[in-house]
Amino acid sequence: MALRLEDIDRSTPSPLVRRFGSKIVNAAVEKPILDAACGSGRNAIFLATLGGNVICVDMDLTKLQAQNLSLPLSRRLILRQLDFAKDAWPFGLCKLGGIVNVHFFMPELFPFFED
């Protein structure tokens, strides 16, 4: 049986991010981590609790903005509204310490992720 989007727990980080979160933050070496199509921010918030600075990008930030986050935690999150299908890629070469992309498949972004 295939996993359906409605079956995904939107409050806890994905298992992959939970497993490798500290490695992602450490590998970022003070550069921000991009959470592409961040949704409610479950992965970004988790990475921020580990000490990472995270750029949260989504075409609708309402769910993330509705989170009741502590001030120190919210300072680690940079919210940016962007539609990856329409808007230009806004990040320069080697400006990101890592990219998290969970449950959003857009192969056109892969060359940007690589850079």
Protein backbone atom coordinates (compact mmCIF):
# COMPACT_ATOMS: atom_id res chain seq x y z
CA MET A 1 0.00 0.00 0.00
CA ALA A 2 1.44 3.37 -1.05
CA LEU A 3 1.87 6.21 1.42
CA ARG A 4 -0.75 8.90 0.90
CA LEU A 5 -0.07 12.57 1.69
CA GLU A 6 -3.02 12.69 4.07
CA ASP A 7 -1.40 9.90 6.11
CA ILE A 8 1.76 11.92 6.80
CA ASP A 9 2.08 13.32 10.32
CA ARG A 10 2.45 17.06 9.72
CA SER A 11 3.63 17.81 13.27
CA THR A 12 6.80 15.71 13.50
CA PRO A 13 9.81 15.87 11.22
CA SER A 14 10.20 13.25 8.54
CA PRO A 15 12.05 10.11 9.66
CA LEU A 16 14.94 10.90 7.33
CA VAL A 17 15.36 14.42 8.75
CA ARG A 18 15.11 13.06 12.32
CA ARG A 19 17.79 10.49 11.56
CA PHE A 20 20.24 12.84 9.81
CA GLY A 21 19.25 16.23 11.26
CA SER A 22 22.36 16.75 13.36
CA LYS A 23 24.57 15.76 10.43
CA ILE A 24 22.74 18.19 8.14
CA VAL A 25 23.18 21.04 10.64
CA ASN A 26 26.84 20.23 11.24
CA ALA A 27 27.58 19.93 7.52
CA ALA A 28 25.96 23.32 6.84
CA VAL A 29 28.91 25.01 8.60
CA GLU A 30 27.03 28.18 9.57
CA LYS A 31 25.35 28.55 6.16
CA PRO A 32 21.55 28.45 6.08
CA ILE A 33 19.74 25.25 5.21
CA LEU A 34 16.93 25.50 2.66
CA ASP A 35 13.68 23.70 3.45
CA ALA A 36 12.12 23.65 -0.02
CA ALA A 37 8.31 23.54 0.05
CA CYS A 38 8.42 23.66 3.85
CA GLY A 39 4.65 23.43 4.42
CA SER A 40 3.96 23.62 8.16
CA GLY A 41 7.68 23.81 8.87
CA ARG A 42 8.02 20.49 10.68
CA ASN A 43 11.47 19.77 9.23
CA ALA A 44 12.70 23.37 9.45
CA ILE A 45 11.63 23.68 13.08
CA PHE A 46 13.42 20.45 13.95
CA LEU A 47 16.64 21.60 12.25
CA ALA A 48 16.37 24.95 14.05
CA THR A 49 16.09 23.19 17.42
CA LEU A 50 19.39 21.48 16.56
CA GLY A 51 21.01 24.88 16.02
CA GLY A 52 20.58 25.30 12.28
CA ASN A 53 19.47 28.46 10.53
CA VAL A 54 16.79 27.51 8.04
CA ILE A 55 15.30 29.33 5.06
CA CYS A 56 11.68 28.16 4.90
CA VAL A 57 10.35 28.48 1.36
CA ASP A 58 6.80 27.72 0.29
CA MET A 59 4.17 29.29 -1.91
CA ASP A 60 1.88 29.45 1.16
CA LEU A 61 3.48 30.15 4.54
CA THR A 62 0.19 30.34 6.45
CA LYS A 63 0.62 27.01 8.26
CA LEU A 64 4.15 27.84 9.34
CA GLN A 65 3.23 31.36 10.42
CA ALA A 66 0.42 29.92 12.56
CA GLN A 67 2.93 27.92 14.64
CA ASN A 68 3.40 29.22 18.17
CA LEU A 69 7.21 29.32 18.13
CA SER A 70 9.45 30.67 20.85
CA LEU A 71 11.37 33.82 19.98
CA PRO A 72 14.84 32.17 20.03
CA LEU A 73 13.58 29.43 17.72
CA SER A 74 11.77 31.81 15.36
CA ARG A 75 15.00 33.79 14.95
CA ARG A 76 16.58 30.74 13.34
CA LEU A 77 13.87 30.63 10.65
CA ILE A 78 13.83 32.88 7.59
CA LEU A 79 10.45 32.74 5.86
CA ARG A 80 10.27 33.35 2.14
CA GLN A 81 7.17 33.01 -0.01
CA LEU A 82 8.06 31.61 -3.40
CA ASP A 83 6.41 29.53 -6.10
CA PHE A 84 9.12 27.25 -7.49
CA ALA A 85 7.06 26.66 -10.65
CA LYS A 86 6.86 30.37 -11.52
CA ASP A 87 9.53 32.33 -9.66
CA ALA A 88 13.25 32.48 -10.44
CA TRP A 89 15.67 30.58 -8.22
CA PRO A 90 16.77 33.26 -5.71
CA PHE A 91 19.87 31.65 -4.20
CA GLY A 92 23.41 32.17 -5.46
CA LEU A 93 26.04 29.49 -5.96
CA CYS A 94 27.32 27.91 -2.75
CA LYS A 95 25.13 30.13 -0.53
CA LEU A 96 23.28 27.26 1.14
CA GLY A 97 24.69 24.79 3.63
CA GLY A 98 22.15 22.13 2.70
CA ILE A 99 18.76 21.51 1.18
CA VAL A 100 15.87 19.53 2.62
CA ASN A 101 13.17 18.60 0.14
CA VAL A 102 10.54 16.20 1.49
CA HIS A 103 7.32 15.29 -0.33
CA PHE A 104 7.78 17.85 -3.09
CA PHE A 105 9.02 16.41 -6.37
CA MET A 106 10.06 18.88 -9.03
CA PRO A 107 12.98 17.58 -11.14
CA GLU A 108 13.48 21.04 -12.66
CA LEU A 109 14.96 22.10 -9.31
CA PHE A 110 17.68 19.44 -9.26
CA PRO A 111 20.28 21.51 -11.18
CA PHE A 112 19.77 24.36 -8.68
CA PHE A 113 20.09 21.95 -5.77
CA GLU A 114 23.36 20.72 -7.23
CA ASP A 115 24.80 24.26 -7.46
